[in-house]
Structure formats: C-alpha cells, structure tokens
Amino acid sequence: MKFNIIAAMCTTNRGIGYENRLPWPTLPNEYRYFMDLTAKTSSPDRKCVNIRGRVTWQCASQEGRSRDVFNIVISRNPSDELRTDKYIHKIVSTLDEALKYVETSLQDQVETVWIFGGQYVYTDAVSHPSCDRLYITLVHGHHTADTFFPSFEDSFDEDLSTDLDRSLQKENNVTYRYKVYTLSRVRMPQK
C-alpha cells in the first residue's frame, strides 16, 4: 500500500523539531493545511490513516489526536498511557508492521495513508518502497533544531502537477512555501 509523507522542515538545517516542539513560532494557516490534507477523503465511507512515532503523538494537540482518522503509533516500548489512549487505533513496533496492519485489517476502509514523523520514522519512510509522495512545507530562515528530516532529493523530484499554492506564505514573521515531491523515475540508492 502506497503512502505519503507530510512534514515541515527548515531550509537551512533540515530541522523539524526542537525540545519536542516545532522549532518556529505557531503557523495557524500551515497547521490548517496539514490538518485538512491528512484527514480529507473524497469518499465519505473511507478514512485517512495517520502513522507517527510515539513522541510525535505525545506532542500532538488534542485536535490533532481526536480527528476522524485511524491513528497508528509506532513505539518499541509503549507506556500504559499510550495503550489506554482512546484515540489510538493501533500501536506497532515498526513502519512495516503499521503498513501490514493497514493492508490486512483496514484496506477497505482507507483512502490515504500519511506518515507524520518523527525523525526515525521519516528516515525509514523516505527510503521505503511504498513511499509515493512527500508533502513538504519549507520553512525559511534559521531555526534551532535537535531533530531533522532525512535527505530525499536524490530519490524524489518536485511534482508541479499537484494543485497547490506554491507562493511564499508569511505568518508570525516566518516565511514558508508548500512543495510536493514524487518518487523519481530512476531511484538513486540511499546513502
């Protein structure tokens, strides 16, 4: 089953997080874009699957957790809090286990599978053969980070056919731009 990755990343250092939060100020319009894209379906009888790591789940807003999607959390050591969270549909140990669960248990109910991160989940996902597209918000300027998005440019090309506002956006004195990348016709080996 194919999946998409969604992330916001700093253009200067590939940063995606700092001390378990985003490294830049709150960007309400970018957040709305993210929320809409990862929950919308064209069919009312299907849902999106949102796969993310434990820390990314724990840092999510209540709104981000309680949407009408299938939430799958990747954790090698799930806590009791995670196991009893009513918004988590399934806890798994690996990305492959999550994808297998979607294929075997949810396939007829799912329209799109989204990968949310964090760093290690993104690293596995970018090089995974089922990765179809990357929806990346490029956040301009320098923002201190301690977690980073992996390199993907050797394996993906920008997709200009996707209907998307590519103009420079500005909120809270932060500029950013939306981009979509698809797998290159000739996939380069990962380094």
Protein backbone atom coordinates (compact mmCIF):
# COMPACT_ATOMS: atom_id res chain seq x y z
CA MET A 1 0.00 0.00 0.00
CA LYS A 2 1.39 3.38 -1.05
CA PHE A 3 1.74 6.18 1.49
CA ASN A 4 2.54 9.89 1.61
CA ILE A 5 4.83 11.73 3.99
CA ILE A 6 3.96 15.15 5.38
CA ALA A 7 6.49 17.35 7.16
CA ALA A 8 7.57 20.91 7.75
CA MET A 9 11.32 21.41 7.58
CA CYS A 10 13.71 24.32 8.00
CA THR A 11 15.50 25.16 4.75
CA THR A 12 18.85 25.95 6.37
CA ASN A 13 19.36 22.87 8.56
CA ARG A 14 16.51 20.44 7.73
CA GLY A 15 15.25 20.90 11.31
CA ILE A 16 11.80 19.52 12.16
CA GLY A 17 11.79 19.78 15.94
CA TYR A 18 13.41 21.28 18.98
CA GLU A 19 12.85 20.03 22.53
CA ASN A 20 9.70 18.12 21.46
CA ARG A 21 8.03 21.03 19.69
CA LEU A 22 8.26 22.76 16.34
CA PRO A 23 11.35 24.98 16.08
CA TRP A 24 9.47 28.03 14.74
CA PRO A 25 6.53 30.08 16.06
CA THR A 26 2.98 28.79 15.60
CA LEU A 27 1.81 28.97 11.97
CA PRO A 28 -2.01 28.66 12.09
CA ASN A 29 -2.57 28.57 8.30
CA GLU A 30 0.15 25.96 7.80
CA TYR A 31 -1.35 23.91 10.63
CA ARG A 32 -4.80 24.10 8.99
CA TYR A 33 -3.26 22.94 5.67
CA PHE A 34 -1.66 19.99 7.48
CA MET A 35 -4.86 19.09 9.34
CA ASP A 36 -7.03 19.31 6.22
CA LEU A 37 -4.69 17.37 3.98
CA THR A 38 -4.19 14.48 6.40
CA ALA A 39 -7.89 13.95 7.18
CA LYS A 40 -9.76 14.73 3.95
CA THR A 41 -11.13 11.97 1.78
CA SER A 42 -13.08 12.04 -1.47
CA SER A 43 -15.31 9.19 -0.28
CA PRO A 44 -17.44 9.56 2.89
CA ASP A 45 -17.10 5.84 3.69
CA ARG A 46 -13.28 5.95 3.82
CA LYS A 47 -10.78 7.48 6.22
CA CYS A 48 -7.15 8.50 6.27
CA VAL A 49 -4.56 6.63 8.29
CA ASN A 50 -2.11 8.78 10.25
CA ILE A 51 1.08 6.95 11.27
CA ARG A 52 3.53 8.62 13.63
CA GLY A 53 6.08 7.87 16.28
CA ARG A 54 5.39 7.99 20.00
CA VAL A 55 6.99 11.38 20.69
CA THR A 56 5.22 12.97 17.73
CA TRP A 57 1.94 11.55 19.05
CA GLN A 58 2.56 12.85 22.56
CA CYS A 59 3.34 16.32 21.20
CA ALA A 60 0.17 16.46 19.08
CA SER A 61 -2.65 18.81 20.01
CA GLN A 62 -5.94 17.40 21.25
CA GLU A 63 -7.44 18.45 17.92
CA GLY A 64 -4.73 16.53 16.08
CA ARG A 65 -5.42 13.38 18.09
CA SER A 66 -9.21 13.32 18.05
CA ARG A 67 -9.90 13.66 14.33
CA ASP A 68 -11.91 11.03 12.48
CA VAL A 69 -8.89 9.13 11.17
CA PHE A 70 -7.17 5.87 12.02
CA ASN A 71 -4.23 6.76 14.30
CA ILE A 72 -1.35 4.29 14.37
CA VAL A 73 1.56 4.96 16.72
CA ILE A 74 4.99 3.40 16.33
CA SER A 75 6.66 2.65 19.67
CA ARG A 76 9.11 -0.05 20.72
CA ASN A 77 8.13 0.44 24.40
CA PRO A 78 4.55 1.73 24.65
CA SER A 79 3.55 3.16 28.01
CA ASP A 80 0.27 2.39 29.77
CA GLU A 81 -0.82 5.90 28.85
CA LEU A 82 -0.31 5.07 25.16
CA ARG A 83 -2.03 1.68 25.46
CA THR A 84 -5.14 3.25 27.02
CA ASP A 85 -5.37 6.31 24.76
CA LYS A 86 -8.83 6.14 23.20
CA TYR A 87 -7.69 7.93 20.04
CA ILE A 88 -5.01 5.39 19.12
CA HIS A 89 -6.35 2.70 16.84
CA LYS A 90 -3.20 0.53 16.93
CA ILE A 91 0.30 0.54 18.44
CA VAL A 92 3.05 -1.17 16.45
CA SER A 93 6.83 -1.50 16.68
CA THR A 94 7.85 -0.63 13.11
CA LEU A 95 6.69 1.18 9.99
CA ASP A 96 6.42 -2.15 8.15
CA GLU A 97 4.20 -3.52 10.90
CA ALA A 98 1.95 -0.44 10.60
CA LEU A 99 1.66 -0.82 6.83
CA LYS A 100 0.94 -4.54 7.12
CA TYR A 101 -1.82 -3.79 9.62
CA VAL A 102 -3.37 -1.25 7.22
CA GLU A 103 -3.21 -3.73 4.32
CA THR A 104 -4.67 -6.66 6.26
CA SER A 105 -7.14 -5.01 8.64
CA LEU A 106 -8.13 -1.61 7.26
CA GLN A 107 -7.63 -1.79 3.50
CA ASP A 108 -11.31 -1.48 2.54
CA GLN A 109 -11.79 1.46 4.89
CA VAL A 110 -8.77 3.57 3.91
CA GLU A 111 -8.29 6.19 1.23
CA THR A 112 -4.85 7.64 2.06
CA VAL A 113 -2.01 6.72 4.42
CA TRP A 114 0.05 9.57 5.88
CA ILE A 115 3.38 9.39 7.71
CA PHE A 116 3.90 12.19 10.26
CA GLY A 117 7.31 11.53 11.75
CA GLY A 118 9.37 11.94 13.86
CA GLN A 119 12.92 11.76 12.68
CA TYR A 120 13.41 7.97 12.79
CA VAL A 121 10.02 7.23 11.26
CA TYR A 122 10.75 9.72 8.46
CA THR A 123 14.14 8.11 7.85
CA ASP A 124 12.53 4.69 7.40
CA ALA A 125 9.67 6.10 5.34
CA VAL A 126 11.69 8.13 2.82
CA SER A 127 13.61 5.05 1.68
CA HIS A 128 10.62 2.68 1.85
CA PRO A 129 9.47 1.20 -1.49
CA SER A 130 5.85 2.14 -0.73
CA CYS A 131 6.59 5.84 -0.31
CA ASP A 132 4.73 7.70 -3.05
CA ARG A 133 4.83 11.43 -2.29
CA LEU A 134 6.35 13.93 0.08
CA TYR A 135 4.28 16.96 1.09
CA ILE A 136 6.91 19.30 2.50
CA THR A 137 6.50 22.77 3.96
CA LEU A 138 9.84 24.51 3.54
CA VAL A 139 10.23 26.95 6.44
CA HIS A 140 12.72 29.73 5.61
CA GLY A 141 15.29 31.18 7.98
CA HIS A 142 17.38 29.56 10.67
CA HIS A 143 15.57 27.78 13.50
CA THR A 144 17.46 25.86 16.18
CA ALA A 145 16.63 22.15 15.95
CA ASP A 146 17.57 18.84 17.54
CA THR A 147 15.64 16.56 15.17
CA PHE A 148 16.00 16.63 11.39
CA PHE A 149 14.35 15.48 8.18
CA PRO A 150 16.42 12.99 6.13
CA SER A 151 17.82 13.71 2.68
CA PHE A 152 15.43 12.79 -0.10
CA GLU A 153 16.46 14.96 -3.04
CA ASP A 154 18.38 12.18 -4.83
CA SER A 155 15.27 9.99 -4.97
CA PHE A 156 12.40 12.46 -5.41
CA ASP A 157 11.55 15.19 -7.90
CA GLU A 158 9.31 18.18 -7.34
CA ASP A 159 5.80 17.47 -8.62
CA LEU A 160 4.49 20.58 -10.31
CA SER A 161 1.27 18.88 -11.44
CA THR A 162 -0.24 18.81 -7.94
CA ASP A 163 -2.84 21.53 -7.35
CA LEU A 164 -1.11 23.55 -4.67
CA ASP A 165 -0.49 27.18 -3.73
CA ARG A 166 3.27 27.44 -4.21
CA SER A 167 3.51 31.14 -3.39
CA LEU A 168 5.57 32.34 -0.46
CA GLN A 169 3.43 32.37 2.71
CA LYS A 170 4.08 34.54 5.77
CA GLU A 171 2.79 34.17 9.34
CA ASN A 172 4.24 35.36 12.65
CA ASN A 173 7.29 36.77 10.81
CA VAL A 174 8.07 33.33 9.36
CA THR A 175 8.02 32.67 5.62
CA TYR A 176 7.37 29.26 4.14
CA ARG A 177 6.38 27.51 0.93
CA TYR A 178 4.48 24.29 0.19
CA LYS A 179 6.05 21.72 -2.14
CA VAL A 180 5.18 18.21 -3.25
CA TYR A 181 7.74 15.64 -4.39
CA THR A 182 7.19 12.33 -6.15
CA LEU A 183 9.49 9.38 -6.50
CA SER A 184 11.99 9.86 -9.33
CA ARG A 185 11.61 7.64 -12.34
CA VAL A 186 15.15 6.47 -11.71
CA ARG A 187 15.51 5.99 -7.97
CA MET A 188 19.02 6.58 -6.68
CA PRO A 189 20.31 4.25 -3.96
CA GLN A 190 20.13 5.69 -0.43
CA LYS A 191 23.44 6.70 1.11
